[in-house]
Amino acid sequence: MNEAAEKLDARGLNCPLPILKTRKALNQINAGQILEVTSSDPGSVKDMAAFCKQTGNRLVASNETENSFVFLIEKA
């Protein structure tokens, strides 16, 4: 399992806030580091995949837990 350099809790936020906060958090870490994002917005599953594809960052993992979604994003 990749160790996250930074963790972002975006639970309780609706689109587009999780993506905006993810973009900001990615700016705080170095290329190759992992950002772990937790969101409660079901739309974030599709949004994170599209965001990573659009920005060139790598979606390492996308998991659903009991009432949230956890994403591991490797900064390009």
PDB file of N, CA and C in Angstrom:
ATOM      1  N   MET A   1       0.846  -1.187   0.000  1.00  0.00           N
ATOM      2  CA  MET A   1       0.000   0.000   0.000  1.00  0.00           C
ATOM      3  C   MET A   1       0.892   1.251   0.000  1.00  0.00           C
ATOM      4  N   ASN A   2       0.576   2.185  -0.832  1.00  0.00           N
ATOM      5  CA  ASN A   2       1.343   3.418  -0.898  1.00  0.00           C
ATOM      6  C   ASN A   2       1.004   4.312   0.290  1.00  0.00           C
ATOM      7  N   GLU A   3       2.035   4.898   0.869  1.00  0.00           N
ATOM      8  CA  GLU A   3       1.845   5.792   2.012  1.00  0.00           C
ATOM      9  C   GLU A   3       1.504   7.190   1.515  1.00  0.00           C
ATOM     10  N   ALA A   4       0.409   7.738   2.013  1.00  0.00           N
ATOM     11  CA  ALA A   4      -0.015   9.072   1.596  1.00  0.00           C
ATOM     12  C   ALA A   4       0.879  10.134   2.231  1.00  0.00           C
ATOM     13  N   ALA A   5       1.344  11.059   1.416  1.00  0.00           N
ATOM     14  CA  ALA A   5       2.142  12.181   1.910  1.00  0.00           C
ATOM     15  C   ALA A   5       1.233  13.200   2.574  1.00  0.00           C
ATOM     16  N   GLU A   6      -0.002  13.251   2.098  1.00  0.00           N
ATOM     17  CA  GLU A   6      -0.969  14.234   2.583  1.00  0.00           C
ATOM     18  C   GLU A   6      -2.348  13.599   2.558  1.00  0.00           C
ATOM     19  N   LYS A   7      -3.195  13.989   3.509  1.00  0.00           N
ATOM     20  CA  LYS A   7      -4.570  13.482   3.540  1.00  0.00           C
ATOM     21  C   LYS A   7      -5.527  14.662   3.496  1.00  0.00           C
ATOM     22  N   LEU A   8      -6.590  14.490   2.711  1.00  0.00           N
ATOM     23  CA  LEU A   8      -7.610  15.529   2.580  1.00  0.00           C
ATOM     24  C   LEU A   8      -8.959  14.924   2.932  1.00  0.00           C
ATOM     25  N   ASP A   9      -9.629  15.521   3.896  1.00  0.00           N
ATOM     26  CA  ASP A   9     -10.969  15.081   4.283  1.00  0.00           C
ATOM     27  C   ASP A   9     -11.975  16.031   3.639  1.00  0.00           C
ATOM     28  N   ALA A  10     -12.643  15.549   2.588  1.00  0.00           N
ATOM     29  CA  ALA A  10     -13.614  16.372   1.874  1.00  0.00           C
ATOM     30  C   ALA A  10     -15.039  15.875   2.130  1.00  0.00           C
ATOM     31  N   ARG A  11     -15.216  15.116   3.210  1.00  0.00           N
ATOM     32  CA  ARG A  11     -16.558  14.618   3.537  1.00  0.00           C
ATOM     33  C   ARG A  11     -17.477  15.775   3.875  1.00  0.00           C
ATOM     34  N   GLY A  12     -18.716  15.679   3.425  1.00  0.00           N
ATOM     35  CA  GLY A  12     -19.703  16.716   3.693  1.00  0.00           C
ATOM     36  C   GLY A  12     -19.702  17.820   2.635  1.00  0.00           C
ATOM     37  N   LEU A  13     -18.741  17.762   1.718  1.00  0.00           N
ATOM     38  CA  LEU A  13     -18.671  18.765   0.654  1.00  0.00           C
ATOM     39  C   LEU A  13     -19.260  18.196  -0.624  1.00  0.00           C
ATOM     40  N   ASN A  14     -19.969  19.029  -1.359  1.00  0.00           N
ATOM     41  CA  ASN A  14     -20.535  18.597  -2.631  1.00  0.00           C
ATOM     42  C   ASN A  14     -19.776  19.209  -3.790  1.00  0.00           C
ATOM     43  N   CYS A  15     -19.936  18.606  -4.954  1.00  0.00           N
ATOM     44  CA  CYS A  15     -19.297  19.053  -6.176  1.00  0.00           C
ATOM     45  C   CYS A  15     -19.518  20.551  -6.361  1.00  0.00           C
ATOM     46  N   PRO A  16     -18.535  21.314  -6.730  1.00  0.00           N
ATOM     47  CA  PRO A  16     -17.178  20.923  -7.149  1.00  0.00           C
ATOM     48  C   PRO A  16     -16.136  21.039  -6.034  1.00  0.00           C
ATOM     49  N   LEU A  17     -16.552  21.255  -4.780  1.00  0.00           N
ATOM     50  CA  LEU A  17     -15.587  21.490  -3.705  1.00  0.00           C
ATOM     51  C   LEU A  17     -14.555  20.379  -3.499  1.00  0.00           C
ATOM     52  N   PRO A  18     -14.933  19.085  -3.522  1.00  0.00           N
ATOM     53  CA  PRO A  18     -13.888  18.065  -3.348  1.00  0.00           C
ATOM     54  C   PRO A  18     -12.780  18.162  -4.407  1.00  0.00           C
ATOM     55  N   ILE A  19     -13.146  18.454  -5.639  1.00  0.00           N
ATOM     56  CA  ILE A  19     -12.158  18.577  -6.714  1.00  0.00           C
ATOM     57  C   ILE A  19     -11.294  19.822  -6.510  1.00  0.00           C
ATOM     58  N   LEU A  20     -11.913  20.925  -6.147  1.00  0.00           N
ATOM     59  CA  LEU A  20     -11.150  22.159  -5.928  1.00  0.00           C
ATOM     60  C   LEU A  20     -10.158  21.997  -4.780  1.00  0.00           C
ATOM     61  N   LYS A  21     -10.597  21.352  -3.706  1.00  0.00           N
ATOM     62  CA  LYS A  21      -9.712  21.132  -2.563  1.00  0.00           C
ATOM     63  C   LYS A  21      -8.620  20.109  -2.914  1.00  0.00           C
ATOM     64  N   THR A  22      -8.946  19.136  -3.760  1.00  0.00           N
ATOM     65  CA  THR A  22      -7.953  18.163  -4.207  1.00  0.00           C
ATOM     66  C   THR A  22      -6.872  18.856  -5.021  1.00  0.00           C
ATOM     67  N   ARG A  23      -7.279  19.720  -5.918  1.00  0.00           N
ATOM     68  CA  ARG A  23      -6.316  20.467  -6.751  1.00  0.00           C
ATOM     69  C   ARG A  23      -5.370  21.279  -5.856  1.00  0.00           C
ATOM     70  N   LYS A  24      -5.946  21.956  -4.860  1.00  0.00           N
ATOM     71  CA  LYS A  24      -5.145  22.782  -3.946  1.00  0.00           C
ATOM     72  C   LYS A  24      -4.171  21.913  -3.140  1.00  0.00           C
ATOM     73  N   ALA A  25      -4.656  20.771  -2.655  1.00  0.00           N
ATOM     74  CA  ALA A  25      -3.809  19.877  -1.852  1.00  0.00           C
ATOM     75  C   ALA A  25      -2.675  19.284  -2.691  1.00  0.00           C
ATOM     76  N   LEU A  26      -2.962  18.969  -3.957  1.00  0.00           N
ATOM     77  CA  LEU A  26      -1.920  18.424  -4.839  1.00  0.00           C
ATOM     78  C   LEU A  26      -0.808  19.442  -5.064  1.00  0.00           C
ATOM     79  N   ASN A  27      -1.155  20.727  -5.035  1.00  0.00           N
ATOM     80  CA  ASN A  27      -0.147  21.777  -5.205  1.00  0.00           C
ATOM     81  C   ASN A  27       0.819  21.835  -4.019  1.00  0.00           C
ATOM     82  N   GLN A  28       0.443  21.244  -2.902  1.00  0.00           N
ATOM     83  CA  GLN A  28       1.264  21.279  -1.686  1.00  0.00           C
ATOM     84  C   GLN A  28       2.248  20.108  -1.584  1.00  0.00           C
ATOM     85  N   ILE A  29       2.127  19.127  -2.470  1.00  0.00           N
ATOM     86  CA  ILE A  29       3.014  17.964  -2.397  1.00  0.00           C
ATOM     87  C   ILE A  29       3.896  17.879  -3.647  1.00  0.00           C
ATOM     88  N   ASN A  30       4.911  17.046  -3.570  1.00  0.00           N
ATOM     89  CA  ASN A  30       5.858  16.884  -4.672  1.00  0.00           C
ATOM     90  C   ASN A  30       5.396  15.817  -5.659  1.00  0.00           C
ATOM     91  N   ALA A  31       5.897  15.901  -6.876  1.00  0.00           N
ATOM     92  CA  ALA A  31       5.601  14.900  -7.903  1.00  0.00           C
ATOM     93  C   ALA A  31       6.003  13.529  -7.380  1.00  0.00           C
ATOM     94  N   GLY A  32       5.149  12.535  -7.628  1.00  0.00           N
ATOM     95  CA  GLY A  32       5.415  11.174  -7.182  1.00  0.00           C
ATOM     96  C   GLY A  32       4.846  10.864  -5.809  1.00  0.00           C
ATOM     97  N   GLN A  33       4.452  11.898  -5.059  1.00  0.00           N
ATOM     98  CA  GLN A  33       3.859  11.673  -3.748  1.00  0.00           C
ATOM     99  C   GLN A  33       2.371  11.368  -3.896  1.00  0.00           C
ATOM    100  N   ILE A  34       1.815  10.761  -2.857  1.00  0.00           N
ATOM    101  CA  ILE A  34       0.418  10.327  -2.868  1.00  0.00           C
ATOM    102  C   ILE A  34      -0.439  11.246  -2.004  1.00  0.00           C
ATOM    103  N   LEU A  35      -1.588  11.622  -2.544  1.00  0.00           N
ATOM    104  CA  LEU A  35      -2.602  12.369  -1.795  1.00  0.00           C
ATOM    105  C   LEU A  35      -3.770  11.428  -1.555  1.00  0.00           C
ATOM    106  N   GLU A  36      -4.191  11.299  -0.303  1.00  0.00           N
ATOM    107  CA  GLU A  36      -5.358  10.484   0.030  1.00  0.00           C
ATOM    108  C   GLU A  36      -6.539  11.418   0.256  1.00  0.00           C
ATOM    109  N   VAL A  37      -7.592  11.225  -0.523  1.00  0.00           N
ATOM    110  CA  VAL A  37      -8.779  12.074  -0.428  1.00  0.00           C
ATOM    111  C   VAL A  37      -9.961  11.227   0.032  1.00  0.00           C
ATOM    112  N   THR A  38     -10.670  11.703   1.043  1.00  0.00           N
ATOM    113  CA  THR A  38     -11.885  11.034   1.513  1.00  0.00           C
ATOM    114  C   THR A  38     -13.054  11.956   1.235  1.00  0.00           C
ATOM    115  N   SER A  39     -14.070  11.426   0.560  1.00  0.00           N
ATOM    116  CA  SER A  39     -15.238  12.228   0.186  1.00  0.00           C
ATOM    117  C   SER A  39     -16.517  11.449   0.471  1.00  0.00           C
ATOM    118  N   SER A  40     -17.581  12.166   0.760  1.00  0.00           N
ATOM    119  CA  SER A  40     -18.878  11.520   0.979  1.00  0.00           C
ATOM    120  C   SER A  40     -19.808  11.714  -0.222  1.00  0.00           C
ATOM    121  N   ASP A  41     -19.357  12.481  -1.209  1.00  0.00           N
ATOM    122  CA  ASP A  41     -20.170  12.780  -2.390  1.00  0.00           C
ATOM    123  C   ASP A  41     -20.041  11.644  -3.416  1.00  0.00           C
ATOM    124  N   PRO A  42     -21.138  10.918  -3.685  1.00  0.00           N
ATOM    125  CA  PRO A  42     -21.079   9.814  -4.655  1.00  0.00           C
ATOM    126  C   PRO A  42     -20.603  10.266  -6.032  1.00  0.00           C
ATOM    127  N   GLY A  43     -20.867  11.508  -6.386  1.00  0.00           N
ATOM    128  CA  GLY A  43     -20.432  12.038  -7.672  1.00  0.00           C
ATOM    129  C   GLY A  43     -18.921  12.170  -7.773  1.00  0.00           C
ATOM    130  N   SER A  44     -18.248  12.140  -6.633  1.00  0.00           N
ATOM    131  CA  SER A  44     -16.799  12.310  -6.643  1.00  0.00           C
ATOM    132  C   SER A  44     -16.078  11.126  -7.283  1.00  0.00           C
ATOM    133  N   VAL A  45     -16.715   9.961  -7.336  1.00  0.00           N
ATOM    134  CA  VAL A  45     -16.087   8.790  -7.966  1.00  0.00           C
ATOM    135  C   VAL A  45     -15.797   9.099  -9.433  1.00  0.00           C
ATOM    136  N   LYS A  46     -16.809   9.570 -10.129  1.00  0.00           N
ATOM    137  CA  LYS A  46     -16.675   9.932 -11.542  1.00  0.00           C
ATOM    138  C   LYS A  46     -15.796  11.175 -11.692  1.00  0.00           C
ATOM    139  N   ASP A  47     -16.000  12.140 -10.793  1.00  0.00           N
ATOM    140  CA  ASP A  47     -15.258  13.403 -10.861  1.00  0.00           C
ATOM    141  C   ASP A  47     -13.758  13.213 -10.665  1.00  0.00           C
ATOM    142  N   MET A  48     -13.361  12.394  -9.697  1.00  0.00           N
ATOM    143  CA  MET A  48     -11.931  12.180  -9.425  1.00  0.00           C
ATOM    144  C   MET A  48     -11.251  11.503 -10.612  1.00  0.00           C
ATOM    145  N   ALA A  49     -11.931  10.520 -11.203  1.00  0.00           N
ATOM    146  CA  ALA A  49     -11.362   9.833 -12.366  1.00  0.00           C
ATOM    147  C   ALA A  49     -11.163  10.814 -13.515  1.00  0.00           C
ATOM    148  N   ALA A  50     -12.157  11.655 -13.758  1.00  0.00           N
ATOM    149  CA  ALA A  50     -12.080  12.644 -14.834  1.00  0.00           C
ATOM    150  C   ALA A  50     -11.014  13.694 -14.526  1.00  0.00           C
ATOM    151  N   PHE A  51     -10.946  14.118 -13.271  1.00  0.00           N
ATOM    152  CA  PHE A  51      -9.957  15.114 -12.854  1.00  0.00           C
ATOM    153  C   PHE A  51      -8.539  14.587 -13.081  1.00  0.00           C
ATOM    154  N   CYS A  52      -8.297  13.352 -12.676  1.00  0.00           N
ATOM    155  CA  CYS A  52      -6.958  12.770 -12.829  1.00  0.00           C
ATOM    156  C   CYS A  52      -6.590  12.629 -14.301  1.00  0.00           C
ATOM    157  N   LYS A  53      -7.539  12.191 -15.100  1.00  0.00           N
ATOM    158  CA  LYS A  53      -7.292  12.039 -16.534  1.00  0.00           C
ATOM    159  C   LYS A  53      -6.971  13.396 -17.166  1.00  0.00           C
ATOM    160  N   GLN A  54      -7.720  14.395 -16.774  1.00  0.00           N
ATOM    161  CA  GLN A  54      -7.578  15.750 -17.317  1.00  0.00           C
ATOM    162  C   GLN A  54      -6.266  16.414 -16.892  1.00  0.00           C
ATOM    163  N   THR A  55      -5.823  16.151 -15.650  1.00  0.00           N
ATOM    164  CA  THR A  55      -4.643  16.834 -15.113  1.00  0.00           C
ATOM    165  C   THR A  55      -3.359  16.022 -15.258  1.00  0.00           C
ATOM    166  N   GLY A  56      -3.478  14.760 -15.651  1.00  0.00           N
ATOM    167  CA  GLY A  56      -2.290  13.932 -15.816  1.00  0.00           C
ATOM    168  C   GLY A  56      -1.816  13.277 -14.532  1.00  0.00           C
ATOM    169  N   ASN A  57      -2.547  13.482 -13.435  1.00  0.00           N
ATOM    170  CA  ASN A  57      -2.214  12.802 -12.188  1.00  0.00           C
ATOM    171  C   ASN A  57      -2.758  11.383 -12.268  1.00  0.00           C
ATOM    172  N   ARG A  58      -2.201  10.465 -11.458  1.00  0.00           N
ATOM    173  CA  ARG A  58      -2.591   9.060 -11.549  1.00  0.00           C
ATOM    174  C   ARG A  58      -3.491   8.673 -10.386  1.00  0.00           C
ATOM    175  N   LEU A  59      -4.670   8.155 -10.722  1.00  0.00           N
ATOM    176  CA  LEU A  59      -5.581   7.628  -9.706  1.00  0.00           C
ATOM    177  C   LEU A  59      -5.100   6.223  -9.372  1.00  0.00           C
ATOM    178  N   VAL A  60      -4.410   6.100  -8.246  1.00  0.00           N
ATOM    179  CA  VAL A  60      -3.801   4.836  -7.843  1.00  0.00           C
ATOM    180  C   VAL A  60      -4.860   3.866  -7.339  1.00  0.00           C
ATOM    181  N   ALA A  61      -5.823   4.390  -6.562  1.00  0.00           N
ATOM    182  CA  ALA A  61      -6.873   3.542  -5.995  1.00  0.00           C
ATOM    183  C   ALA A  61      -8.128   4.356  -5.741  1.00  0.00           C
ATOM    184  N   SER A  62      -9.257   3.686  -5.835  1.00  0.00           N
ATOM    185  CA  SER A  62     -10.550   4.284  -5.552  1.00  0.00           C
ATOM    186  C   SER A  62     -11.365   3.230  -4.804  1.00  0.00           C
ATOM    187  N   ASN A  63     -11.631   3.481  -3.536  1.00  0.00           N
ATOM    188  CA  ASN A  63     -12.343   2.507  -2.714  1.00  0.00           C
ATOM    189  C   ASN A  63     -13.565   3.126  -2.068  1.00  0.00           C
ATOM    190  N   GLU A  64     -14.583   2.292  -1.890  1.00  0.00           N
ATOM    191  CA  GLU A  64     -15.795   2.745  -1.208  1.00  0.00           C
ATOM    192  C   GLU A  64     -15.821   2.105   0.170  1.00  0.00           C
ATOM    193  N   THR A  65     -15.974   2.922   1.210  1.00  0.00           N
ATOM    194  CA  THR A  65     -16.115   2.392   2.560  1.00  0.00           C
ATOM    195  C   THR A  65     -17.581   2.527   2.944  1.00  0.00           C
ATOM    196  N   GLU A  66     -17.891   2.336   4.201  1.00  0.00           N
ATOM    197  CA  GLU A  66     -19.282   2.327   4.638  1.00  0.00           C
ATOM    198  C   GLU A  66     -20.069   3.551   4.188  1.00  0.00           C
ATOM    199  N   ASN A  67     -19.550   4.745   4.429  1.00  0.00           N
ATOM    200  CA  ASN A  67     -20.291   5.931   4.002  1.00  0.00           C
ATOM    201  C   ASN A  67     -19.382   6.997   3.403  1.00  0.00           C
ATOM    202  N   SER A  68     -18.272   6.552   2.810  1.00  0.00           N
ATOM    203  CA  SER A  68     -17.419   7.507   2.122  1.00  0.00           C
ATOM    204  C   SER A  68     -16.608   6.813   1.028  1.00  0.00           C
ATOM    205  N   PHE A  69     -15.934   7.620   0.245  1.00  0.00           N
ATOM    206  CA  PHE A  69     -15.125   7.145  -0.865  1.00  0.00           C
ATOM    207  C   PHE A  69     -13.696   7.610  -0.618  1.00  0.00           C
ATOM    208  N   VAL A  70     -12.729   6.714  -0.810  1.00  0.00           N
ATOM    209  CA  VAL A  70     -11.335   7.054  -0.557  1.00  0.00           C
ATOM    210  C   VAL A  70     -10.558   6.914  -1.866  1.00  0.00           C
ATOM    211  N   PHE A  71      -9.823   7.958  -2.193  1.00  0.00           N
ATOM    212  CA  PHE A  71      -9.034   7.993  -3.437  1.00  0.00           C
ATOM    213  C   PHE A  71      -7.575   8.196  -3.092  1.00  0.00           C
ATOM    214  N   LEU A  72      -6.701   7.473  -3.776  1.00  0.00           N
ATOM    215  CA  LEU A  72      -5.269   7.695  -3.675  1.00  0.00           C
ATOM    216  C   LEU A  72      -4.820   8.243  -5.020  1.00  0.00           C
ATOM    217  N   ILE A  73      -4.258   9.435  -5.000  1.00  0.00           N
ATOM    218  CA  ILE A  73      -3.854  10.118  -6.227  1.00  0.00           C
ATOM    219  C   ILE A  73      -2.365  10.393  -6.174  1.00  0.00           C
ATOM    220  N   GLU A  74      -1.648   9.923  -7.192  1.00  0.00           N
ATOM    221  CA  GLU A  74      -0.216  10.189  -7.283  1.00  0.00           C
ATOM    222  C   GLU A  74      -0.020  11.427  -8.148  1.00  0.00           C
ATOM    223  N   LYS A  75       0.674  12.414  -7.570  1.00  0.00           N
ATOM    224  CA  LYS A  75       0.907  13.655  -8.290  1.00  0.00           C
ATOM    225  C   LYS A  75       1.877  13.431  -9.440  1.00  0.00           C
ATOM    226  N   ALA A  76       1.521  13.957 -10.611  1.00  0.00           N
ATOM    227  CA  ALA A  76       2.352  13.800 -11.800  1.00  0.00           C
ATOM    228  C   ALA A  76       3.557  14.728 -11.730  1.00  0.00           C
TER     229      ALA A  76
END
